Amino acid sequence: MKRTLRNMLAVAVTLALMSSNAFAAVPGDVEGQPYAVAVSALMEKGIITGDTDGSFHPDSELTRAQACTIIVKSMNPPADFGKAKTDVFSDMAGYGWAADYISFAVQKGVTKGYPDGTFRPGKNVTMNELVTMVLRAAGYSDEKLGGTWPGNYLSKADELKILQAIPTPLPVNATKWMAAEITYSLLDEIEAADLPDQGKTEIPAKVQQVMDKVTELATHYAKKLDGDFGDKHAALMASGQGQEYKDFAAMKAILDGFRVESKAYYVYCLIDGTPNDGHFEITVDGSEEPDDWLNKYETESQFLAAMQGTPTPAPSAWDNGDNDPVWSAFAPIHDSKGNVVAILGIDFPAPEILDYPQWNRDSEQFKAE
């Protein structure tokens, strides 16, 4: 493994730290620590920074967004790297500062999102995830390493001796100083790596068939609701009466009829009650035991797409209990003037997904690395 750049930087930083005037910007809570060389070198290159209070807070746990930012900066991305986003995640609100870095990391195969369309940028990055990201940025890949995750990446990390400064057993989550130390250990390899762009994850044919089938069902039944039902749904929302609205029972009966006819688990309507509030409200549920009409659901990308007029499946299945996978899809409902006033959701049995647990958000194999 190449050590030239690391050794040169180590010497330079060590000499600089011996000078009272040099590296004055190095946070005081880093000076004298074993990881001071790593932190100082990465700060000098603009890869990491201190906090606004002048400290580094080395023991603070990193988020997935922060880890992506550090690693991408160490890759020397092109100046316009933020212009070509390859993935749009549904949970990036408040993380605009990290969006370009996350997108670039996904584009280069350094990390990935979850099959439910989220990235979970605020989630603590685990040590397994951090080691995987750093090694992938240095040019190692699942194909090159073989084996199963995370053991294959941890074994390579041990072989490369990049975890010698990290406590054992490895902590579950990575801290700022650990990220600096591990990244610095492979900095020359990361900077030299020329990673190709990654294509989107290929969807197995059987999984795609399930997604298409459920989307076609949602589209079919949503079209049956265009016009009169759409007008009544808008009136229902405007009334604020919920299940006390005069047409509620009749509307629910229509959806319940669709559920029986299609053999779906649930058929229901969602509406963006307050635009940009990050939630949708379920207003009419055709299941046997309807949810309260004010029950709130987190916004997901497929909801947004359907509200904008495009029938869209969920990006993964979910488990209805005891290995009973379900796939959902959503399609727009229009009023008599052609306006999208709600979306129809359908949750359909998907036993085929038992053969593809990595596409079930409730499966242990559903993970992001």
Protein backbone atom coordinates (compact mmCIF):
# COMPACT_ATOMS: atom_id res chain seq x y z
CA MET A 1 0.00 0.00 0.00
CA LYS A 2 1.27 3.44 -0.86
CA ARG A 3 2.46 5.44 2.15
CA THR A 4 4.42 8.25 0.50
CA LEU A 5 1.84 11.01 0.83
CA ARG A 6 0.85 9.94 4.34
CA ASN A 7 4.46 9.93 5.54
CA MET A 8 5.24 13.30 3.95
CA LEU A 9 2.14 14.83 5.52
CA ALA A 10 2.96 13.30 8.88
CA VAL A 11 6.41 14.83 8.87
CA ALA A 12 5.11 18.20 7.74
CA VAL A 13 2.35 18.29 10.32
CA THR A 14 4.62 17.14 13.13
CA LEU A 15 7.13 19.88 12.36
CA ALA A 16 4.32 22.42 12.09
CA LEU A 17 2.88 21.45 15.44
CA MET A 18 6.28 22.05 17.02
CA SER A 19 6.09 25.69 15.95
CA SER A 20 4.15 28.09 18.15
CA ASN A 21 2.97 30.05 15.14
CA ALA A 22 2.12 27.26 12.72
CA PHE A 23 -1.25 25.54 12.44
CA ALA A 24 -2.77 28.02 14.86
CA ALA A 25 -6.21 27.04 13.58
CA VAL A 26 -5.88 23.46 14.88
CA PRO A 27 -8.50 23.12 17.63
CA GLY A 28 -7.16 22.93 21.15
CA ASP A 29 -9.05 19.72 21.93
CA VAL A 30 -6.95 17.96 19.26
CA GLU A 31 -3.45 19.11 20.25
CA GLY A 32 -1.39 16.39 21.89
CA GLN A 33 -3.81 13.63 20.92
CA PRO A 34 -2.59 10.55 18.99
CA TYR A 35 -4.88 11.52 16.10
CA ALA A 36 -3.60 15.12 15.94
CA VAL A 37 -1.52 14.41 12.81
CA ALA A 38 -4.53 13.00 10.96
CA VAL A 39 -6.90 15.79 12.01
CA SER A 40 -4.36 18.52 11.30
CA ALA A 41 -3.48 17.18 7.85
CA LEU A 42 -7.12 16.83 6.82
CA MET A 43 -7.92 20.31 8.11
CA GLU A 44 -5.00 21.75 6.15
CA LYS A 45 -6.44 20.19 2.99
CA GLY A 46 -9.98 21.42 3.75
CA ILE A 47 -11.36 17.91 4.13
CA ILE A 48 -12.56 18.42 7.70
CA THR A 49 -13.20 21.50 9.80
CA GLY A 50 -13.56 22.48 13.40
CA ASP A 51 -16.85 23.61 14.90
CA THR A 52 -18.06 27.18 15.26
CA ASP A 53 -17.02 27.22 18.92
CA GLY A 54 -13.38 26.72 17.89
CA SER A 55 -13.23 23.11 19.04
CA PHE A 56 -13.18 19.90 17.02
CA HIS A 57 -15.19 17.73 19.42
CA PRO A 58 -13.29 14.59 18.38
CA ASP A 59 -15.49 12.22 20.35
CA SER A 60 -18.74 13.38 18.74
CA GLU A 61 -20.46 10.66 16.72
CA LEU A 62 -20.74 11.34 13.00
CA THR A 63 -23.89 11.19 10.92
CA ARG A 64 -24.11 9.49 7.55
CA ALA A 65 -24.28 12.92 5.91
CA GLN A 66 -21.12 14.10 7.66
CA ALA A 67 -19.25 10.92 6.78
CA CYS A 68 -20.14 11.29 3.09
CA THR A 69 -18.98 14.90 3.12
CA ILE A 70 -15.58 14.03 4.61
CA ILE A 71 -14.95 11.13 2.26
CA VAL A 72 -16.05 12.95 -0.89
CA LYS A 73 -13.85 15.93 -0.05
CA SER A 74 -10.92 13.54 0.29
CA MET A 75 -11.66 12.24 -3.24
CA ASN A 76 -10.88 15.62 -4.84
CA PRO A 77 -14.20 15.76 -6.74
CA PRO A 78 -14.44 18.01 -9.80
CA ALA A 79 -15.61 21.57 -9.20
CA ASP A 80 -18.97 20.88 -10.83
CA PHE A 81 -19.57 17.56 -9.06
CA GLY A 82 -22.89 18.80 -7.66
CA LYS A 83 -24.49 19.40 -11.06
CA ALA A 84 -25.23 15.79 -11.97
CA LYS A 85 -27.24 14.21 -9.19
CA THR A 86 -27.85 10.50 -9.68
CA ASP A 87 -30.16 9.85 -6.73
CA VAL A 88 -32.87 11.90 -5.09
CA PHE A 89 -33.80 10.75 -1.61
CA SER A 90 -37.09 11.56 0.05
CA ASP A 91 -35.62 12.50 3.45
CA MET A 92 -33.09 15.21 2.59
CA ALA A 93 -35.04 18.14 4.08
CA GLY A 94 -32.59 20.17 6.17
CA TYR A 95 -29.56 18.49 4.62
CA GLY A 96 -29.11 20.63 1.53
CA TRP A 97 -25.52 21.29 2.61
CA ALA A 98 -24.74 17.59 2.18
CA ALA A 99 -26.92 16.75 -0.83
CA ASP A 100 -24.19 17.13 -3.46
CA TYR A 101 -21.71 15.09 -1.41
CA ILE A 102 -24.20 12.30 -0.80
CA SER A 103 -25.21 12.24 -4.46
CA PHE A 104 -21.58 12.06 -5.58
CA ALA A 105 -20.82 9.28 -3.09
CA VAL A 106 -23.75 7.27 -4.43
CA GLN A 107 -22.76 8.03 -8.02
CA LYS A 108 -19.26 6.65 -7.37
CA GLY A 109 -20.46 3.59 -5.47
CA VAL A 110 -19.02 4.72 -2.14
CA THR A 111 -22.36 4.33 -0.38
CA LYS A 112 -26.00 3.73 -1.14
CA GLY A 113 -29.44 4.67 0.10
CA TYR A 114 -32.12 2.40 1.44
CA PRO A 115 -34.56 0.65 -0.92
CA ASP A 116 -37.41 2.66 0.62
CA GLY A 117 -36.06 5.75 -1.14
CA THR A 118 -34.41 7.27 1.95
CA PHE A 119 -30.79 7.95 2.85
CA ARG A 120 -31.26 8.68 6.58
CA PRO A 121 -28.61 11.41 6.55
CA GLY A 122 -29.04 12.20 10.25
CA LYS A 123 -28.54 8.60 11.36
CA ASN A 124 -25.25 7.88 13.12
CA VAL A 125 -22.79 6.27 10.73
CA THR A 126 -21.68 2.91 12.06
CA MET A 127 -18.06 1.86 12.10
CA ASN A 128 -18.92 -0.87 9.59
CA GLU A 129 -20.43 1.72 7.25
CA LEU A 130 -17.52 4.13 7.65
CA VAL A 131 -14.88 1.49 6.96
CA THR A 132 -16.86 0.38 3.90
CA MET A 133 -17.16 3.94 2.56
CA VAL A 134 -13.45 4.67 3.01
CA LEU A 135 -12.34 1.44 1.36
CA ARG A 136 -14.73 1.90 -1.55
CA ALA A 137 -13.43 5.44 -2.03
CA ALA A 138 -9.93 3.93 -2.19
CA GLY A 139 -10.98 1.63 -5.03
CA TYR A 140 -12.07 -1.53 -3.23
CA SER A 141 -15.46 -2.93 -4.16
CA ASP A 142 -17.83 -5.75 -3.26
CA GLU A 143 -16.76 -7.58 -6.42
CA LYS A 144 -13.04 -7.26 -5.68
CA LEU A 145 -13.34 -8.34 -2.06
CA GLY A 146 -15.90 -11.11 -2.39
CA GLY A 147 -17.35 -12.56 0.80
CA THR A 148 -20.22 -11.02 2.72
CA TRP A 149 -20.65 -7.59 4.26
CA PRO A 150 -19.35 -6.27 6.62
CA GLY A 151 -16.79 -9.01 7.29
CA ASN A 152 -15.18 -8.64 3.87
CA TYR A 153 -14.48 -4.94 4.39
CA LEU A 154 -13.34 -5.32 7.99
CA SER A 155 -10.92 -8.07 6.94
CA LYS A 156 -9.45 -5.83 4.25
CA ALA A 157 -9.17 -2.99 6.77
CA ASP A 158 -7.22 -5.28 9.13
CA GLU A 159 -4.99 -6.39 6.26
CA LEU A 160 -4.25 -2.75 5.37
CA LYS A 161 -3.70 -1.94 9.08
CA ILE A 162 -5.96 1.12 8.99
CA LEU A 163 -7.73 0.27 12.24
CA GLN A 164 -4.67 0.07 14.48
CA ALA A 165 -5.51 3.36 16.20
CA ILE A 166 -9.17 2.44 16.74
CA PRO A 167 -10.21 0.85 20.07
CA THR A 168 -11.05 -2.85 20.12
CA PRO A 169 -13.61 -4.22 20.01
CA LEU A 170 -14.67 -1.73 17.36
CA PRO A 171 -17.32 0.70 18.63
CA VAL A 172 -20.72 0.51 16.99
CA ASN A 173 -20.73 4.14 15.81
CA ALA A 174 -17.84 6.16 14.41
CA THR A 175 -16.63 9.40 15.97
CA LYS A 176 -15.04 12.41 14.26
CA TRP A 177 -11.50 11.52 15.24
CA MET A 178 -11.94 7.93 14.09
CA ALA A 179 -13.20 9.12 10.70
CA ALA A 180 -10.19 11.43 10.41
CA GLU A 181 -7.74 8.69 11.36
CA ILE A 182 -9.15 6.07 8.98
CA THR A 183 -9.54 8.49 6.08
CA TYR A 184 -6.01 9.80 6.57
CA SER A 185 -4.65 6.25 6.62
CA LEU A 186 -5.83 5.75 3.03
CA LEU A 187 -5.67 9.33 1.81
CA ASP A 188 -3.10 8.73 -0.93
CA GLU A 189 -5.07 5.75 -2.26
CA ILE A 190 -8.35 7.68 -2.15
CA GLU A 191 -6.88 10.62 -4.02
CA ALA A 192 -5.36 8.31 -6.63
CA ALA A 193 -8.49 6.22 -7.20
CA ASP A 194 -10.46 6.94 -10.37
CA LEU A 195 -13.85 5.45 -9.62
CA PRO A 196 -16.28 4.93 -12.52
CA ASP A 197 -19.86 6.13 -12.24
CA GLN A 198 -22.22 3.48 -10.98
CA GLY A 199 -25.44 2.60 -12.73
CA LYS A 200 -28.69 2.39 -10.82
CA THR A 201 -29.37 -0.78 -8.88
CA GLU A 202 -30.80 -3.38 -11.22
CA ILE A 203 -34.26 -4.52 -10.21
CA PRO A 204 -34.77 -8.30 -10.51
CA ALA A 205 -37.37 -9.19 -13.16
CA LYS A 206 -39.73 -10.83 -10.65
CA VAL A 207 -39.54 -7.80 -8.35
CA GLN A 208 -40.22 -5.48 -11.28
CA GLN A 209 -43.25 -7.57 -12.22
CA VAL A 210 -44.65 -7.11 -8.71
CA MET A 211 -44.07 -3.35 -8.83
CA ASP A 212 -45.70 -3.08 -12.25
CA LYS A 213 -48.70 -5.18 -11.23
CA VAL A 214 -49.44 -3.12 -8.13
CA THR A 215 -48.91 0.17 -9.98
CA GLU A 216 -51.35 -0.94 -12.71
CA LEU A 217 -53.94 -1.80 -10.05
CA ALA A 218 -53.52 1.60 -8.36
CA THR A 219 -53.84 3.37 -11.71
CA HIS A 220 -56.90 1.32 -12.70
CA TYR A 221 -58.85 2.08 -9.53
CA ALA A 222 -57.72 5.70 -9.28
CA LYS A 223 -59.18 6.36 -12.74
CA LYS A 224 -62.52 5.00 -11.53
CA LEU A 225 -62.49 7.72 -8.84
CA ASP A 226 -61.82 10.65 -11.18
CA GLY A 227 -64.64 13.16 -11.32
CA ASP A 228 -67.49 12.70 -8.83
CA PHE A 229 -65.47 10.89 -6.15
CA GLY A 230 -62.68 13.42 -6.55
CA ASP A 231 -65.15 16.28 -6.03
CA LYS A 232 -66.56 14.60 -2.93
CA HIS A 233 -63.09 13.97 -1.57
CA ALA A 234 -62.22 17.65 -1.94
CA ALA A 235 -65.48 18.54 -0.19
CA LEU A 236 -64.73 16.04 2.57
CA MET A 237 -61.37 17.68 3.23
CA ALA A 238 -62.87 21.17 3.10
CA SER A 239 -65.61 20.22 5.56
CA GLY A 240 -63.24 19.24 8.35
CA GLN A 241 -65.86 16.73 9.48
CA GLY A 242 -63.83 13.61 8.88
CA GLN A 243 -65.84 10.42 9.26
CA GLU A 244 -68.90 12.52 10.16
CA TYR A 245 -69.03 13.89 6.61
CA LYS A 246 -72.33 12.95 4.94
CA ASP A 247 -70.73 11.00 2.06
CA PHE A 248 -67.97 9.35 4.06
CA ALA A 249 -69.68 5.96 4.42
CA ALA A 250 -70.50 5.82 0.72
CA MET A 251 -66.96 6.78 -0.24
CA LYS A 252 -65.52 4.17 2.09
CA ALA A 253 -67.83 1.56 0.62
CA ILE A 254 -66.46 2.25 -2.86
CA LEU A 255 -62.90 1.75 -1.68
CA ASP A 256 -63.85 -1.33 0.27
CA GLY A 257 -65.43 -2.72 -2.91
CA PHE A 258 -62.17 -2.13 -4.75
CA ARG A 259 -60.30 -3.94 -1.98
CA VAL A 260 -62.53 -7.01 -2.21
CA GLU A 261 -62.51 -7.03 -6.01
CA SER A 262 -58.73 -6.68 -6.32
CA LYS A 263 -57.93 -8.99 -3.37
CA ALA A 264 -55.71 -6.24 -1.94
CA TYR A 265 -55.02 -5.90 1.76
CA TYR A 266 -55.85 -2.19 1.89
CA VAL A 267 -57.21 0.47 -0.47
CA TYR A 268 -57.22 4.07 0.78
CA CYS A 269 -56.81 7.74 -0.06
CA LEU A 270 -54.03 10.11 0.98
CA ILE A 271 -53.97 13.87 0.64
CA ASP A 272 -51.31 16.49 1.23
CA GLY A 273 -53.43 18.41 3.72
CA THR A 274 -50.87 21.15 4.33
CA PRO A 275 -48.34 21.53 1.50
CA ASN A 276 -44.68 21.33 2.57
CA ASP A 277 -45.48 20.25 6.12
CA GLY A 278 -43.73 16.95 5.52
CA HIS A 279 -46.80 14.81 6.16
CA PHE A 280 -49.80 13.38 4.42
CA GLU A 281 -53.18 12.72 5.96
CA ILE A 282 -55.17 9.56 5.36
CA THR A 283 -58.75 10.57 4.75
CA VAL A 284 -60.67 7.51 3.62
CA ASP A 285 -59.56 3.94 4.21
CA GLY A 286 -61.25 0.98 2.55
CA SER A 287 -59.86 -1.57 4.96
CA GLU A 288 -62.18 -3.41 7.32
CA GLU A 289 -60.98 -1.27 10.21
CA PRO A 290 -60.30 2.18 8.75
CA ASP A 291 -57.59 4.36 10.21
CA ASP A 292 -58.60 7.62 11.79
CA TRP A 293 -58.86 10.21 9.00
CA LEU A 294 -56.31 12.46 10.72
CA ASN A 295 -53.70 9.73 11.07
CA LYS A 296 -50.38 11.13 9.83
CA TYR A 297 -47.85 9.44 7.57
CA GLU A 298 -44.34 10.59 6.74
CA THR A 299 -43.94 11.90 3.22
CA GLU A 300 -42.26 9.45 0.85
CA SER A 301 -41.08 10.03 -2.70
CA GLN A 302 -43.84 7.89 -4.22
CA PHE A 303 -46.50 10.04 -2.50
CA LEU A 304 -45.01 13.17 -3.99
CA ALA A 305 -44.80 11.65 -7.47
CA ALA A 306 -48.44 10.57 -7.35
CA MET A 307 -49.59 13.98 -6.08
CA GLN A 308 -47.78 15.46 -9.10
CA GLY A 309 -49.78 13.16 -11.41
CA THR A 310 -47.51 10.12 -11.92
CA PRO A 311 -48.61 6.64 -10.73
CA THR A 312 -45.67 5.33 -8.72
CA PRO A 313 -44.85 2.15 -6.76
CA ALA A 314 -43.12 2.13 -3.42
CA PRO A 315 -39.39 1.38 -3.78
CA SER A 316 -39.60 -1.67 -1.51
CA ALA A 317 -42.01 -4.10 0.10
CA TRP A 318 -43.00 -4.14 3.76
CA ASP A 319 -44.01 -6.99 6.04
CA ASN A 320 -47.62 -7.42 7.11
CA GLY A 321 -46.49 -9.93 9.74
CA ASP A 322 -44.99 -13.44 9.77
CA ASN A 323 -43.21 -13.27 6.42
CA ASP A 324 -46.17 -11.73 4.61
CA PRO A 325 -44.59 -9.16 2.25
CA VAL A 326 -46.78 -6.41 0.85
CA TRP A 327 -46.07 -3.99 -1.99
CA SER A 328 -47.74 -0.58 -2.23
CA ALA A 329 -48.38 1.76 -5.14
CA PHE A 330 -50.05 5.16 -5.53
CA ALA A 331 -51.91 6.94 -8.32
CA PRO A 332 -53.54 10.39 -8.62
CA ILE A 333 -57.27 11.03 -8.16
CA HIS A 334 -58.66 14.03 -10.08
CA ASP A 335 -61.72 16.16 -9.50
CA SER A 336 -64.12 17.04 -12.33
CA LYS A 337 -61.84 19.93 -13.35
CA GLY A 338 -58.81 17.69 -13.76
CA ASN A 339 -57.03 18.77 -10.59
CA VAL A 340 -55.22 16.17 -8.48
CA VAL A 341 -57.09 16.25 -5.18
CA ALA A 342 -55.84 13.04 -3.57
CA ILE A 343 -53.94 9.85 -4.29
CA LEU A 344 -55.20 6.31 -4.13
CA GLY A 345 -52.99 3.85 -2.30
CA ILE A 346 -53.16 0.11 -2.66
CA ASP A 347 -51.30 -2.44 -0.52
CA PHE A 348 -51.14 -5.77 -2.31
CA PRO A 349 -49.84 -9.22 -1.27
CA ALA A 350 -46.40 -9.87 -2.72
CA PRO A 351 -45.33 -13.39 -1.72
CA GLU A 352 -42.79 -13.33 -4.56
CA ILE A 353 -40.62 -11.04 -2.43
CA LEU A 354 -39.93 -13.90 -0.01
CA ASP A 355 -37.24 -14.86 -2.53
CA TYR A 356 -35.81 -11.31 -2.43
CA PRO A 357 -35.59 -10.27 1.26
CA GLN A 358 -33.23 -7.41 0.35
CA TRP A 359 -36.28 -5.72 -1.25
CA ASN A 360 -38.34 -5.92 1.95
CA ARG A 361 -37.81 -2.92 4.21
CA ASP A 362 -38.68 -5.05 7.25
CA SER A 363 -36.14 -7.75 6.45
CA GLU A 364 -32.81 -8.05 8.25
CA GLN A 365 -31.15 -8.09 4.83
CA PHE A 366 -32.55 -4.64 4.07
CA LYS A 367 -29.64 -2.34 4.78
CA ALA A 368 -27.53 0.47 3.46
CA GLU A 369 -23.75 0.23 3.48
